């Protein structure tokens, strides 16, 4: 029984460490040049819509043709993905800790940007998993007695 518990605990911890989470609220940095690009700005909301597809909503700033809000779909595969911003197919990369998304514009590097998950969303997924593991271990401990 103890061997099984240790195995389940290790598998759970590994899955927590290795799981990627695109969904969340991000804050943009100032790396995108608003004098020559239409840049996502302020808060960016990324919400799961379908497997490997996320709705993205953000304010925009810069050369945006009068637009003030961006809505789009990010398509992902593991830690990479793509999203059409304006008429450009931008490449997305999620950091290994799922806390930062880097956006690369293949036509104009001045339009590259980065978003960091806000503190309230950072640990939500991992904390839920760890709480579940704690409950499982408590149940197993009580079962043993």
N, C-alpha and C. Protein backbone atom coordinates (compact mmCIF):
# COMPACT_ATOMS: atom_id res chain seq x y z
N UNK A 1 0.82 -1.20 0.00
CA UNK A 1 0.00 0.00 0.00
C UNK A 1 0.87 1.26 0.00
N UNK A 2 1.94 1.26 0.84
CA UNK A 2 2.80 2.44 0.89
C UNK A 2 3.51 2.66 -0.43
N UNK A 3 3.95 1.58 -1.08
CA UNK A 3 4.61 1.70 -2.38
C UNK A 3 3.69 2.33 -3.41
N UNK A 4 2.42 1.92 -3.40
CA UNK A 4 1.44 2.48 -4.33
C UNK A 4 1.23 3.96 -4.06
N UNK A 5 1.15 4.33 -2.78
CA UNK A 5 0.96 5.73 -2.42
C UNK A 5 2.13 6.59 -2.88
N UNK A 6 3.33 6.11 -2.68
CA UNK A 6 4.51 6.85 -3.11
C UNK A 6 4.51 7.01 -4.63
N UNK A 7 4.15 5.95 -5.35
CA UNK A 7 4.09 6.02 -6.81
C UNK A 7 3.05 7.05 -7.27
N UNK A 8 1.86 7.01 -6.68
CA UNK A 8 0.80 7.96 -7.04
C UNK A 8 1.25 9.39 -6.74
N UNK A 9 1.89 9.58 -5.60
CA UNK A 9 2.37 10.91 -5.25
C UNK A 9 3.41 11.41 -6.24
N UNK A 10 4.36 10.57 -6.62
CA UNK A 10 5.39 10.97 -7.58
C UNK A 10 4.80 11.30 -8.95
N UNK A 11 3.88 10.47 -9.42
CA UNK A 11 3.23 10.72 -10.71
C UNK A 11 2.46 12.04 -10.67
N UNK A 12 1.77 12.29 -9.56
CA UNK A 12 1.00 13.53 -9.43
C UNK A 12 1.91 14.75 -9.42
N UNK A 13 3.01 14.67 -8.70
CA UNK A 13 3.94 15.80 -8.64
C UNK A 13 4.56 16.05 -10.01
N UNK A 14 4.95 15.00 -10.70
CA UNK A 14 5.52 15.15 -12.04
C UNK A 14 4.52 15.78 -12.99
N UNK A 15 3.26 15.37 -12.91
CA UNK A 15 2.25 15.94 -13.81
C UNK A 15 2.00 17.40 -13.49
N UNK A 16 2.09 17.80 -12.22
CA UNK A 16 1.93 19.20 -11.86
C UNK A 16 3.08 20.02 -12.44
N UNK A 17 4.28 19.51 -12.32
CA UNK A 17 5.46 20.22 -12.80
C UNK A 17 5.46 20.34 -14.32
N UNK A 18 5.01 19.29 -15.03
CA UNK A 18 5.12 19.27 -16.48
C UNK A 18 3.90 19.82 -17.22
N UNK A 19 2.80 20.06 -16.54
CA UNK A 19 1.61 20.49 -17.26
C UNK A 19 1.71 21.96 -17.67
N UNK A 20 1.28 22.25 -18.89
CA UNK A 20 1.28 23.63 -19.35
C UNK A 20 -0.12 24.19 -19.21
N UNK A 21 -0.20 25.46 -18.87
CA UNK A 21 -1.48 26.11 -18.68
C UNK A 21 -1.46 27.46 -19.37
N UNK A 22 -2.07 27.54 -20.54
CA UNK A 22 -2.14 28.80 -21.27
C UNK A 22 -3.18 29.72 -20.65
N UNK A 23 -4.25 29.16 -20.12
CA UNK A 23 -5.37 29.95 -19.61
C UNK A 23 -4.94 30.82 -18.44
N UNK A 24 -5.45 32.05 -18.41
CA UNK A 24 -5.16 32.95 -17.30
C UNK A 24 -5.23 34.41 -17.69
N UNK A 25 -4.91 35.25 -16.74
CA UNK A 25 -4.86 36.70 -16.96
C UNK A 25 -3.39 37.12 -17.01
N UNK A 26 -3.03 37.85 -18.05
CA UNK A 26 -1.65 38.26 -18.25
C UNK A 26 -1.55 39.79 -18.24
N UNK A 27 -0.39 40.28 -17.89
CA UNK A 27 -0.08 41.70 -17.98
C UNK A 27 1.03 41.85 -19.01
N UNK A 28 0.82 42.75 -19.98
CA UNK A 28 1.81 42.92 -21.04
C UNK A 28 3.00 43.76 -20.55
N UNK A 29 4.15 43.53 -21.18
CA UNK A 29 5.30 44.39 -20.91
C UNK A 29 5.33 45.50 -21.96
N UNK A 30 6.37 46.30 -21.98
CA UNK A 30 6.43 47.44 -22.91
C UNK A 30 7.35 47.18 -24.10
N UNK A 31 7.62 45.90 -24.41
CA UNK A 31 8.57 45.61 -25.49
C UNK A 31 8.01 45.87 -26.89
N UNK A 32 6.71 45.83 -27.06
CA UNK A 32 6.10 46.09 -28.37
C UNK A 32 6.12 47.61 -28.63
N UNK A 33 6.59 48.00 -29.80
CA UNK A 33 6.75 49.41 -30.16
C UNK A 33 5.43 49.98 -30.67
N UNK A 34 4.78 50.80 -29.85
CA UNK A 34 3.47 51.36 -30.20
C UNK A 34 3.55 52.43 -31.29
N UNK A 35 4.75 52.90 -31.64
CA UNK A 35 4.86 53.90 -32.70
C UNK A 35 4.80 53.27 -34.09
N UNK A 36 5.04 51.95 -34.17
CA UNK A 36 5.01 51.29 -35.47
C UNK A 36 4.13 50.04 -35.50
N UNK A 37 3.54 49.67 -34.36
CA UNK A 37 2.78 48.41 -34.27
C UNK A 37 1.46 48.62 -33.53
N UNK A 38 0.54 47.72 -33.76
CA UNK A 38 -0.66 47.62 -32.93
C UNK A 38 -0.35 46.58 -31.87
N UNK A 39 -0.24 47.01 -30.62
CA UNK A 39 0.24 46.14 -29.54
C UNK A 39 -0.86 45.81 -28.55
N UNK A 40 -0.89 44.56 -28.11
CA UNK A 40 -1.75 44.20 -27.00
C UNK A 40 -1.26 44.99 -25.80
N UNK A 41 -2.18 45.52 -24.99
CA UNK A 41 -1.74 46.36 -23.88
C UNK A 41 -2.57 46.10 -22.64
N UNK A 42 -1.94 46.37 -21.50
CA UNK A 42 -2.63 46.21 -20.22
C UNK A 42 -2.86 44.75 -19.90
N UNK A 43 -4.10 44.42 -19.59
CA UNK A 43 -4.47 43.05 -19.23
C UNK A 43 -4.88 42.27 -20.47
N UNK A 44 -4.43 41.03 -20.53
CA UNK A 44 -4.81 40.11 -21.60
C UNK A 44 -5.49 38.91 -20.94
N UNK A 45 -6.70 38.60 -21.38
CA UNK A 45 -7.43 37.45 -20.83
C UNK A 45 -7.36 36.32 -21.84
N UNK A 46 -6.89 35.16 -21.39
CA UNK A 46 -6.80 33.97 -22.23
C UNK A 46 -7.70 32.92 -21.60
N UNK A 47 -8.76 32.53 -22.32
CA UNK A 47 -9.74 31.58 -21.79
C UNK A 47 -9.86 30.38 -22.71
N UNK A 48 -9.96 29.21 -22.11
CA UNK A 48 -10.07 27.97 -22.89
C UNK A 48 -11.41 27.93 -23.61
N UNK A 49 -11.35 27.65 -24.91
CA UNK A 49 -12.57 27.55 -25.70
C UNK A 49 -12.80 26.14 -26.20
N UNK A 50 -11.77 25.48 -26.61
CA UNK A 50 -11.81 24.12 -27.14
C UNK A 50 -10.42 23.52 -26.93
N UNK A 51 -10.27 22.23 -27.13
CA UNK A 51 -8.93 21.66 -26.97
C UNK A 51 -7.93 22.38 -27.89
N UNK A 52 -6.87 22.88 -27.30
CA UNK A 52 -5.79 23.57 -28.02
C UNK A 52 -6.20 24.86 -28.71
N UNK A 53 -7.31 25.45 -28.28
CA UNK A 53 -7.75 26.75 -28.82
C UNK A 53 -8.22 27.62 -27.66
N UNK A 54 -7.76 28.86 -27.64
CA UNK A 54 -8.06 29.76 -26.54
C UNK A 54 -8.56 31.09 -27.08
N UNK A 55 -9.61 31.62 -26.45
CA UNK A 55 -10.09 32.96 -26.77
C UNK A 55 -9.15 33.96 -26.10
N UNK A 56 -8.77 34.99 -26.83
CA UNK A 56 -7.87 36.02 -26.31
C UNK A 56 -8.57 37.37 -26.44
N UNK A 57 -8.63 38.11 -25.33
CA UNK A 57 -9.23 39.45 -25.32
C UNK A 57 -8.26 40.39 -24.64
N UNK A 58 -8.04 41.54 -25.27
CA UNK A 58 -7.09 42.50 -24.72
C UNK A 58 -7.38 43.90 -25.24
N UNK A 59 -6.94 44.88 -24.49
CA UNK A 59 -6.90 46.23 -25.01
C UNK A 59 -5.74 46.32 -25.99
N UNK A 60 -5.79 47.29 -26.90
CA UNK A 60 -4.68 47.50 -27.83
C UNK A 60 -4.26 48.96 -27.79
N UNK A 61 -3.02 49.19 -28.18
CA UNK A 61 -2.46 50.53 -28.18
C UNK A 61 -1.47 50.63 -29.34
N UNK A 62 -1.41 51.80 -29.95
CA UNK A 62 -0.46 52.00 -31.04
C UNK A 62 -1.15 52.23 -32.37
N UNK A 63 -0.56 51.68 -33.43
CA UNK A 63 -1.06 51.84 -34.79
C UNK A 63 -2.11 50.76 -35.05
N UNK A 64 -3.34 51.03 -34.59
CA UNK A 64 -4.39 50.00 -34.59
C UNK A 64 -5.59 50.37 -35.44
N UNK A 65 -5.48 51.42 -36.25
CA UNK A 65 -6.58 51.79 -37.12
C UNK A 65 -7.87 52.11 -36.39
N UNK A 66 -7.76 52.70 -35.22
CA UNK A 66 -8.95 53.07 -34.45
C UNK A 66 -9.46 51.99 -33.51
N UNK A 67 -8.94 50.78 -33.60
CA UNK A 67 -9.37 49.72 -32.70
C UNK A 67 -8.85 49.98 -31.29
N UNK A 68 -9.66 49.62 -30.30
CA UNK A 68 -9.23 49.73 -28.90
C UNK A 68 -9.23 48.39 -28.19
N UNK A 69 -9.86 47.38 -28.81
CA UNK A 69 -9.95 46.05 -28.22
C UNK A 69 -9.56 45.00 -29.26
N UNK A 70 -8.78 44.02 -28.83
CA UNK A 70 -8.43 42.89 -29.68
C UNK A 70 -9.17 41.66 -29.18
N UNK A 71 -9.78 40.93 -30.11
CA UNK A 71 -10.33 39.61 -29.80
C UNK A 71 -9.80 38.66 -30.86
N UNK A 72 -9.32 37.52 -30.42
CA UNK A 72 -8.76 36.56 -31.36
C UNK A 72 -8.74 35.17 -30.77
N UNK A 73 -8.20 34.24 -31.53
CA UNK A 73 -8.09 32.85 -31.08
C UNK A 73 -6.63 32.44 -31.18
N UNK A 74 -6.12 31.89 -30.08
CA UNK A 74 -4.76 31.35 -30.05
C UNK A 74 -4.87 29.84 -30.20
N UNK A 75 -4.13 29.29 -31.15
CA UNK A 75 -4.09 27.84 -31.37
C UNK A 75 -2.77 27.33 -30.82
N UNK A 76 -2.84 26.31 -29.98
CA UNK A 76 -1.63 25.85 -29.30
C UNK A 76 -1.39 24.36 -29.49
N UNK A 77 -0.13 23.99 -29.31
CA UNK A 77 0.29 22.59 -29.30
C UNK A 77 1.43 22.50 -28.30
N UNK A 78 1.13 22.06 -27.09
CA UNK A 78 2.14 22.03 -26.05
C UNK A 78 2.49 23.44 -25.62
N UNK A 79 3.77 23.78 -25.71
CA UNK A 79 4.25 25.08 -25.26
C UNK A 79 4.40 26.09 -26.40
N UNK A 80 3.91 25.76 -27.59
CA UNK A 80 3.99 26.71 -28.70
C UNK A 80 2.63 26.86 -29.35
N UNK A 81 2.49 27.92 -30.13
CA UNK A 81 1.22 28.14 -30.80
C UNK A 81 1.31 29.31 -31.76
N UNK A 82 0.15 29.75 -32.24
CA UNK A 82 0.10 30.88 -33.16
C UNK A 82 -1.23 31.59 -33.01
N UNK A 83 -1.25 32.85 -33.45
CA UNK A 83 -2.44 33.68 -33.37
C UNK A 83 -2.33 34.77 -34.42
N UNK A 84 -3.41 35.05 -35.11
CA UNK A 84 -3.41 36.13 -36.10
C UNK A 84 -3.70 37.45 -35.38
N UNK A 85 -2.76 38.38 -35.49
CA UNK A 85 -2.93 39.72 -34.94
C UNK A 85 -2.83 40.68 -36.12
N UNK A 86 -3.92 41.38 -36.40
CA UNK A 86 -3.99 42.20 -37.61
C UNK A 86 -4.01 41.27 -38.80
N UNK A 87 -2.99 41.34 -39.63
CA UNK A 87 -2.90 40.43 -40.78
C UNK A 87 -1.68 39.51 -40.65
N UNK A 88 -1.06 39.51 -39.48
CA UNK A 88 0.17 38.75 -39.28
C UNK A 88 -0.08 37.52 -38.41
N UNK A 89 0.51 36.41 -38.83
CA UNK A 89 0.42 35.16 -38.08
C UNK A 89 1.57 35.13 -37.07
N UNK A 90 1.30 35.55 -35.84
CA UNK A 90 2.33 35.63 -34.81
C UNK A 90 2.55 34.27 -34.15
N UNK A 91 3.80 34.01 -33.76
CA UNK A 91 4.17 32.78 -33.06
C UNK A 91 4.09 33.02 -31.56
N UNK A 92 3.53 32.06 -30.83
CA UNK A 92 3.41 32.15 -29.38
C UNK A 92 4.26 31.08 -28.73
N UNK A 93 4.90 31.43 -27.62
CA UNK A 93 5.66 30.46 -26.84
C UNK A 93 5.32 30.64 -25.37
N UNK A 94 4.92 29.55 -24.73
CA UNK A 94 4.63 29.55 -23.30
C UNK A 94 5.87 29.07 -22.56
N UNK A 95 6.25 29.78 -21.51
CA UNK A 95 7.42 29.37 -20.73
C UNK A 95 7.16 28.04 -20.04
N UNK A 96 8.22 27.35 -19.66
CA UNK A 96 8.09 26.02 -19.06
C UNK A 96 7.33 26.04 -17.75
N UNK A 97 7.29 27.18 -17.06
CA UNK A 97 6.52 27.28 -15.81
C UNK A 97 5.12 27.85 -16.04
N UNK A 98 4.74 28.02 -17.31
CA UNK A 98 3.41 28.52 -17.71
C UNK A 98 3.11 29.92 -17.20
N UNK A 99 4.12 30.72 -16.92
CA UNK A 99 3.90 32.05 -16.36
C UNK A 99 4.08 33.18 -17.37
N UNK A 100 4.72 32.89 -18.50
CA UNK A 100 5.02 33.94 -19.47
C UNK A 100 4.70 33.46 -20.88
N UNK A 101 4.04 34.32 -21.65
CA UNK A 101 3.82 34.05 -23.07
C UNK A 101 4.61 35.09 -23.86
N UNK A 102 5.41 34.60 -24.81
CA UNK A 102 6.17 35.48 -25.69
C UNK A 102 5.51 35.44 -27.07
N UNK A 103 5.28 36.62 -27.63
CA UNK A 103 4.66 36.76 -28.95
C UNK A 103 5.72 37.27 -29.91
N UNK A 104 5.93 36.53 -31.01
CA UNK A 104 6.93 36.93 -32.01
C UNK A 104 6.22 37.20 -33.33
N UNK A 105 6.41 38.42 -33.83
CA UNK A 105 5.88 38.82 -35.13
C UNK A 105 6.97 38.52 -36.16
N UNK A 106 6.70 37.62 -37.12
CA UNK A 106 7.74 37.21 -38.06
C UNK A 106 8.12 38.28 -39.08
N UNK A 107 7.31 39.32 -39.21
CA UNK A 107 7.57 40.36 -40.19
C UNK A 107 8.29 41.56 -39.59
N UNK A 108 7.93 41.92 -38.35
CA UNK A 108 8.50 43.11 -37.72
C UNK A 108 8.80 42.81 -36.26
N UNK A 109 10.07 42.65 -35.93
CA UNK A 109 10.45 42.29 -34.56
C UNK A 109 10.12 43.39 -33.55
N UNK A 110 9.89 44.62 -34.02
CA UNK A 110 9.48 45.69 -33.12
C UNK A 110 8.09 45.42 -32.54
N UNK A 111 7.35 44.52 -33.18
CA UNK A 111 6.00 44.19 -32.74
C UNK A 111 5.96 42.97 -31.81
N UNK A 112 7.12 42.44 -31.46
CA UNK A 112 7.16 41.33 -30.50
C UNK A 112 6.71 41.83 -29.13
N UNK A 113 6.18 40.91 -28.33
CA UNK A 113 5.74 41.30 -27.00
C UNK A 113 5.78 40.13 -26.04
N UNK A 114 5.46 40.44 -24.80
CA UNK A 114 5.49 39.41 -23.76
C UNK A 114 4.42 39.73 -22.72
N UNK A 115 3.80 38.67 -22.21
CA UNK A 115 2.82 38.83 -21.14
C UNK A 115 3.17 37.90 -19.98
N UNK A 116 2.97 38.40 -18.77
CA UNK A 116 3.25 37.61 -17.57
C UNK A 116 1.95 37.41 -16.80
N UNK A 117 1.70 36.18 -16.36
CA UNK A 117 0.48 35.89 -15.61
C UNK A 117 0.43 36.73 -14.35
N UNK A 118 -0.76 37.24 -14.07
CA UNK A 118 -0.93 38.02 -12.85
C UNK A 118 -0.89 37.09 -11.65
N UNK A 119 -0.49 37.61 -10.50
CA UNK A 119 -0.24 36.81 -9.30
C UNK A 119 -1.46 35.98 -8.89
N UNK A 120 -2.65 36.51 -9.06
CA UNK A 120 -3.85 35.79 -8.61
C UNK A 120 -4.05 34.49 -9.37
N UNK A 121 -3.57 34.42 -10.62
CA UNK A 121 -3.79 33.23 -11.43
C UNK A 121 -2.60 32.29 -11.44
N UNK A 122 -1.44 32.72 -10.99
CA UNK A 122 -0.22 31.95 -11.15
C UNK A 122 -0.30 30.55 -10.58
N UNK A 123 -0.72 30.43 -9.35
CA UNK A 123 -0.64 29.14 -8.67
C UNK A 123 -1.96 28.40 -8.61
N UNK A 124 -3.01 28.93 -9.19
CA UNK A 124 -4.32 28.32 -9.05
C UNK A 124 -4.35 26.86 -9.46
N UNK A 125 -3.85 26.54 -10.63
CA UNK A 125 -3.88 25.15 -11.11
C UNK A 125 -3.04 24.23 -10.26
N UNK A 126 -1.82 24.64 -9.94
CA UNK A 126 -0.94 23.81 -9.13
C UNK A 126 -1.48 23.63 -7.72
N UNK A 127 -2.05 24.68 -7.14
CA UNK A 127 -2.58 24.57 -5.79
C UNK A 127 -3.77 23.61 -5.76
N UNK A 128 -4.61 23.64 -6.77
CA UNK A 128 -5.74 22.71 -6.82
C UNK A 128 -5.26 21.27 -6.87
N UNK A 129 -4.24 21.02 -7.69
CA UNK A 129 -3.69 19.67 -7.79
C UNK A 129 -3.07 19.23 -6.47
N UNK A 130 -2.30 20.10 -5.84
CA UNK A 130 -1.67 19.74 -4.57
C UNK A 130 -2.71 19.53 -3.47
N UNK A 131 -3.78 20.31 -3.49
CA UNK A 131 -4.86 20.12 -2.52
C UNK A 131 -5.50 18.75 -2.73
N UNK A 132 -5.71 18.36 -3.98
CA UNK A 132 -6.26 17.03 -4.28
C UNK A 132 -5.35 15.92 -3.80
N UNK A 133 -4.05 16.10 -3.98
CA UNK A 133 -3.08 15.10 -3.52
C UNK A 133 -3.12 14.99 -2.00
N UNK A 134 -3.22 16.14 -1.32
CA UNK A 134 -3.29 16.14 0.14
C UNK A 134 -4.52 15.38 0.63
N UNK A 135 -5.65 15.59 -0.02
CA UNK A 135 -6.87 14.86 0.36
C UNK A 135 -6.68 13.36 0.13
N UNK A 136 -6.09 12.99 -1.00
CA UNK A 136 -5.84 11.58 -1.30
C UNK A 136 -4.94 10.95 -0.25
N UNK A 137 -3.88 11.64 0.12
CA UNK A 137 -2.96 11.11 1.13
C UNK A 137 -3.64 10.99 2.50
N UNK A 138 -4.46 11.97 2.85
CA UNK A 138 -5.18 11.91 4.12
C UNK A 138 -6.13 10.72 4.15
N UNK A 139 -6.84 10.50 3.05
CA UNK A 139 -7.75 9.36 2.98
C UNK A 139 -6.98 8.05 3.08
N UNK A 140 -5.85 7.96 2.41
CA UNK A 140 -5.04 6.74 2.45
C UNK A 140 -4.49 6.51 3.85
N UNK A 141 -4.06 7.58 4.51
CA UNK A 141 -3.52 7.46 5.87
C UNK A 141 -4.61 6.97 6.83
N UNK A 142 -5.81 7.53 6.71
CA UNK A 142 -6.92 7.11 7.58
C UNK A 142 -7.35 5.68 7.27
N UNK A 143 -7.26 5.27 6.02
CA UNK A 143 -7.62 3.90 5.63
C UNK A 143 -6.66 2.90 6.26
N UNK A 144 -5.40 3.29 6.37
CA UNK A 144 -4.37 2.42 6.93
C UNK A 144 -4.58 2.16 8.41
N UNK A 145 -5.15 3.11 9.12
CA UNK A 145 -5.32 2.98 10.58
C UNK A 145 -6.36 1.98 10.96
